């Protein structure tokens, strides 16, 4: 894996955001583009990584991030909340 994040399209309007090992926080970040905006899956671990993630989203769509879903470490679904950008 590269030391730089990589945006990989896995299906129409579905993207994986692959990040290098953070040594203390690993996540499965990605997003889907819907007709009304972006649905982000999981979160990044730092402000710097979050800004890079939002910049990567901006390379494929100008739609706003409307929703962020997050899964807890135990694999149980957490409530989905509206995200602000």
Protein backbone atom coordinates (compact mmCIF):
# COMPACT_ATOMS: atom_id res chain seq x y z
CA UNK A 1 0.00 0.00 0.00
CA UNK A 2 1.18 3.48 -0.85
CA UNK A 3 1.98 6.02 1.84
CA UNK A 4 -0.51 8.35 0.16
CA UNK A 5 -4.29 7.89 0.29
CA UNK A 6 -5.86 6.39 -2.82
CA UNK A 7 -9.37 6.88 -4.15
CA UNK A 8 -10.61 3.75 -5.93
CA UNK A 9 -13.92 3.47 -7.78
CA UNK A 10 -15.48 0.11 -6.95
CA UNK A 11 -18.81 0.54 -8.77
CA UNK A 12 -20.88 3.28 -10.37
CA UNK A 13 -20.94 6.16 -7.87
CA UNK A 14 -19.28 4.04 -5.15
CA UNK A 15 -15.71 4.78 -4.01
CA UNK A 16 -13.26 3.34 -1.48
CA UNK A 17 -10.82 5.76 0.16
CA UNK A 18 -7.75 3.68 0.97
CA UNK A 19 -5.39 5.12 3.55
CA UNK A 20 -2.01 4.10 4.89
CA UNK A 21 -1.86 2.51 8.33
CA UNK A 22 -2.30 5.21 10.98
CA UNK A 23 -0.57 2.92 13.52
CA UNK A 24 -3.33 3.55 16.06
CA UNK A 25 -6.53 3.96 14.07
CA UNK A 26 -7.60 1.99 11.05
CA UNK A 27 -10.87 2.57 9.22
CA UNK A 28 -12.84 1.56 6.15
CA UNK A 29 -13.67 4.91 4.63
CA UNK A 30 -15.58 5.37 1.41
CA UNK A 31 -18.58 7.11 -0.07
CA UNK A 32 -21.56 6.79 -2.37
CA UNK A 33 -22.85 9.53 -4.63
CA UNK A 34 -26.64 9.83 -4.63
CA UNK A 35 -28.93 12.17 -6.53
CA UNK A 36 -29.07 14.54 -3.55
CA UNK A 37 -25.49 14.38 -2.30
CA UNK A 38 -22.69 12.25 -0.91
CA UNK A 39 -23.15 9.52 1.70
CA UNK A 40 -19.88 8.99 3.55
CA UNK A 41 -19.13 5.63 5.15
CA UNK A 42 -16.99 5.71 8.31
CA UNK A 43 -14.63 8.54 9.22
CA UNK A 44 -10.94 9.33 9.16
CA UNK A 45 -8.78 9.60 12.27
CA UNK A 46 -7.42 13.15 12.17
CA UNK A 47 -8.36 16.57 10.88
CA UNK A 48 -5.61 16.40 8.25
CA UNK A 49 -6.90 13.05 6.96
CA UNK A 50 -10.48 14.34 6.98
CA UNK A 51 -9.53 17.37 4.88
CA UNK A 52 -7.70 15.10 2.42
CA UNK A 53 -10.74 12.80 2.28
CA UNK A 54 -13.10 15.72 1.55
CA UNK A 55 -10.67 16.96 -1.12
CA UNK A 56 -10.70 13.48 -2.71
CA UNK A 57 -14.50 13.48 -2.75
CA UNK A 58 -14.32 16.85 -4.50
CA UNK A 59 -12.28 15.35 -7.34
CA UNK A 60 -15.24 13.21 -8.46
CA UNK A 61 -18.32 15.26 -7.49
CA UNK A 62 -19.31 18.76 -6.50
CA UNK A 63 -22.31 17.46 -4.54
CA UNK A 64 -22.26 18.15 -0.78
CA UNK A 65 -21.65 15.51 1.86
CA UNK A 66 -25.12 15.07 3.33
CA UNK A 67 -24.82 11.97 5.52
CA UNK A 68 -22.12 10.03 7.36
CA UNK A 69 -22.65 6.49 8.52
CA UNK A 70 -20.31 4.94 11.06
CA UNK A 71 -19.93 1.37 12.25
CA UNK A 72 -18.73 0.68 15.76
CA UNK A 73 -15.73 -1.55 16.38
CA UNK A 74 -18.01 -4.38 17.48
CA UNK A 75 -19.56 -4.38 14.02
CA UNK A 76 -22.90 -3.07 15.24
CA UNK A 77 -24.50 -0.31 13.19
CA UNK A 78 -24.48 3.14 14.75
CA UNK A 79 -27.11 5.77 14.05
CA UNK A 80 -26.59 7.73 10.85
CA UNK A 81 -26.24 11.46 11.37
CA UNK A 82 -26.28 14.43 9.04
CA UNK A 83 -22.79 15.70 8.29
CA UNK A 84 -21.88 19.31 7.78
CA UNK A 85 -19.13 20.43 5.53
